[in-house]
Amino acid sequence: MQILSIVAMEKPRSTTGEDIRDEKVKVLRCIAPIKSENVVIGQYLGDKESKDSEHQLGYLDDAGVPQDSTTPTYAQTILYINNERWDGV
């Protein structure tokens, strides 16, 4: 969210922490509510066909992870910023 807010924010009045924070907050408040159809979560699986043994291991292959774990190890979402600058982008 830090990178998104820095890239998407308007130019702050100055480079003070307060002005930068204010612009970041403005853009974050313009993010539309996230819809479930715009979200992907998953759990890392190893590539059993890889010749590199390190790539063959997935999250559940870690000794400290319960075999029935459903903990996500990956997340992706589409965010829409509803303001004049990002309209139609």
C-alpha atoms as a PDB file:
ATOM      1  CA  MET A   1       0.000   0.000   0.000  1.00  0.00           C
ATOM      2  CA  GLN A   2       2.974   2.280   0.579  1.00  0.00           C
ATOM      3  CA  ILE A   3       4.135   1.935  -3.029  1.00  0.00           C
ATOM      4  CA  LEU A   4       0.613   2.328  -4.383  1.00  0.00           C
ATOM      5  CA  SER A   5       0.013   5.479  -2.370  1.00  0.00           C
ATOM      6  CA  ILE A   6       3.342   7.041  -3.357  1.00  0.00           C
ATOM      7  CA  VAL A   7       2.831   6.302  -7.056  1.00  0.00           C
ATOM      8  CA  ALA A   8      -0.836   7.329  -7.125  1.00  0.00           C
ATOM      9  CA  MET A   9      -0.803  10.400  -4.887  1.00  0.00           C
ATOM     10  CA  GLU A  10      -0.912  13.982  -6.073  1.00  0.00           C
ATOM     11  CA  LYS A  11       2.203  16.095  -5.671  1.00  0.00           C
ATOM     12  CA  PRO A  12       2.368  17.230  -2.045  1.00  0.00           C
ATOM     13  CA  ARG A  13       2.641  20.940  -1.167  1.00  0.00           C
ATOM     14  CA  SER A  14       6.090  20.255   0.286  1.00  0.00           C
ATOM     15  CA  THR A  15       8.365  17.336   1.085  1.00  0.00           C
ATOM     16  CA  THR A  16       7.556  17.381   4.779  1.00  0.00           C
ATOM     17  CA  GLY A  17       6.373  14.124   6.256  1.00  0.00           C
ATOM     18  CA  GLU A  18       2.995  15.629   7.083  1.00  0.00           C
ATOM     19  CA  ASP A  19       2.282  16.844   3.538  1.00  0.00           C
ATOM     20  CA  ILE A  20       3.373  13.548   2.009  1.00  0.00           C
ATOM     21  CA  ARG A  21       1.252  11.637   4.526  1.00  0.00           C
ATOM     22  CA  ASP A  22      -1.774  13.809   3.765  1.00  0.00           C
ATOM     23  CA  GLU A  23      -1.543  13.121   0.022  1.00  0.00           C
ATOM     24  CA  LYS A  24      -1.074   9.395   0.602  1.00  0.00           C
ATOM     25  CA  VAL A  25      -4.136   9.307   2.848  1.00  0.00           C
ATOM     26  CA  LYS A  26      -6.191  11.195   0.239  1.00  0.00           C
ATOM     27  CA  VAL A  27      -5.464   8.623  -2.452  1.00  0.00           C
ATOM     28  CA  LEU A  28      -6.005   5.661  -0.128  1.00  0.00           C
ATOM     29  CA  ARG A  29      -9.439   7.042   0.770  1.00  0.00           C
ATOM     30  CA  CYS A  30     -10.315   7.036  -2.940  1.00  0.00           C
ATOM     31  CA  ILE A  31      -9.833   3.280  -3.309  1.00  0.00           C
ATOM     32  CA  ALA A  32     -13.144   1.591  -4.077  1.00  0.00           C
ATOM     33  CA  PRO A  33     -14.251  -1.274  -1.825  1.00  0.00           C
ATOM     34  CA  ILE A  34     -12.573  -4.504  -2.893  1.00  0.00           C
ATOM     35  CA  LYS A  35     -14.837  -7.046  -4.604  1.00  0.00           C
ATOM     36  CA  SER A  36     -14.232 -10.748  -4.021  1.00  0.00           C
ATOM     37  CA  GLU A  37     -14.070 -11.395  -7.780  1.00  0.00           C
ATOM     38  CA  ASN A  38     -11.009  -9.114  -7.896  1.00  0.00           C
ATOM     39  CA  VAL A  39      -9.081 -11.105  -5.297  1.00  0.00           C
ATOM     40  CA  VAL A  40      -6.872 -14.158  -5.714  1.00  0.00           C
ATOM     41  CA  ILE A  41      -5.314 -15.987  -2.794  1.00  0.00           C
ATOM     42  CA  GLY A  42      -3.317 -19.175  -2.903  1.00  0.00           C
ATOM     43  CA  GLN A  43      -0.686 -21.306  -1.326  1.00  0.00           C
ATOM     44  CA  TYR A  44       2.731 -21.885  -2.868  1.00  0.00           C
ATOM     45  CA  LEU A  45       3.204 -25.335  -4.388  1.00  0.00           C
ATOM     46  CA  GLY A  46       6.546 -26.757  -5.377  1.00  0.00           C
ATOM     47  CA  ASP A  47       7.375 -27.726  -8.938  1.00  0.00           C
ATOM     48  CA  LYS A  48       7.783 -31.489  -8.627  1.00  0.00           C
ATOM     49  CA  GLU A  49       9.164 -31.664 -12.189  1.00  0.00           C
ATOM     50  CA  SER A  50      11.938 -29.119 -11.581  1.00  0.00           C
ATOM     51  CA  LYS A  51      15.516 -30.360 -11.747  1.00  0.00           C
ATOM     52  CA  ASP A  52      16.362 -27.912  -8.938  1.00  0.00           C
ATOM     53  CA  SER A  53      15.446 -29.615  -5.661  1.00  0.00           C
ATOM     54  CA  GLU A  54      14.840 -26.250  -3.994  1.00  0.00           C
ATOM     55  CA  HIS A  55      12.092 -25.465  -6.533  1.00  0.00           C
ATOM     56  CA  GLN A  56      10.433 -28.826  -5.877  1.00  0.00           C
ATOM     57  CA  LEU A  57       9.429 -27.821  -2.367  1.00  0.00           C
ATOM     58  CA  GLY A  58       6.167 -26.071  -1.582  1.00  0.00           C
ATOM     59  CA  TYR A  59       4.825 -24.441   1.563  1.00  0.00           C
ATOM     60  CA  LEU A  60       3.457 -27.707   2.969  1.00  0.00           C
ATOM     61  CA  ASP A  61       6.879 -29.345   2.516  1.00  0.00           C
ATOM     62  CA  ASP A  62       8.324 -27.103   5.249  1.00  0.00           C
ATOM     63  CA  ALA A  63       8.848 -29.142   8.414  1.00  0.00           C
ATOM     64  CA  GLY A  64       7.228 -26.472  10.590  1.00  0.00           C
ATOM     65  CA  VAL A  65       4.001 -26.274   8.579  1.00  0.00           C
ATOM     66  CA  PRO A  66       1.045 -28.534   9.458  1.00  0.00           C
ATOM     67  CA  GLN A  67       0.065 -30.724   6.507  1.00  0.00           C
ATOM     68  CA  ASP A  68      -3.541 -29.534   6.696  1.00  0.00           C
ATOM     69  CA  SER A  69      -2.575 -25.843   6.635  1.00  0.00           C
ATOM     70  CA  THR A  70      -4.714 -23.600   4.477  1.00  0.00           C
ATOM     71  CA  THR A  71      -2.681 -20.468   5.246  1.00  0.00           C
ATOM     72  CA  PRO A  72      -2.389 -18.306   2.115  1.00  0.00           C
ATOM     73  CA  THR A  73       1.149 -17.580   0.959  1.00  0.00           C
ATOM     74  CA  TYR A  74       0.110 -15.452  -2.034  1.00  0.00           C
ATOM     75  CA  ALA A  75      -2.440 -12.682  -2.477  1.00  0.00           C
ATOM     76  CA  GLN A  76      -3.376 -10.448  -5.383  1.00  0.00           C
ATOM     77  CA  THR A  77      -6.116  -7.886  -5.836  1.00  0.00           C
ATOM     78  CA  ILE A  78      -7.253  -5.289  -8.315  1.00  0.00           C
ATOM     79  CA  LEU A  79      -7.719  -1.864  -6.785  1.00  0.00           C
ATOM     80  CA  TYR A  80      -9.682   0.972  -8.363  1.00  0.00           C
ATOM     81  CA  ILE A  81      -8.836   4.547  -7.416  1.00  0.00           C
ATOM     82  CA  ASN A  82     -11.882   6.767  -7.773  1.00  0.00           C
ATOM     83  CA  ASN A  83     -10.510  10.247  -8.292  1.00  0.00           C
ATOM     84  CA  GLU A  84     -10.050  12.650 -11.196  1.00  0.00           C
ATOM     85  CA  ARG A  85      -6.408  11.793 -11.809  1.00  0.00           C
ATOM     86  CA  TRP A  86      -7.015   8.057 -12.167  1.00  0.00           C
ATOM     87  CA  ASP A  87     -10.443   8.185 -13.830  1.00  0.00           C
ATOM     88  CA  GLY A  88     -10.506   5.714 -16.719  1.00  0.00           C
ATOM     89  CA  VAL A  89      -7.102   4.225 -15.947  1.00  0.00           C
END
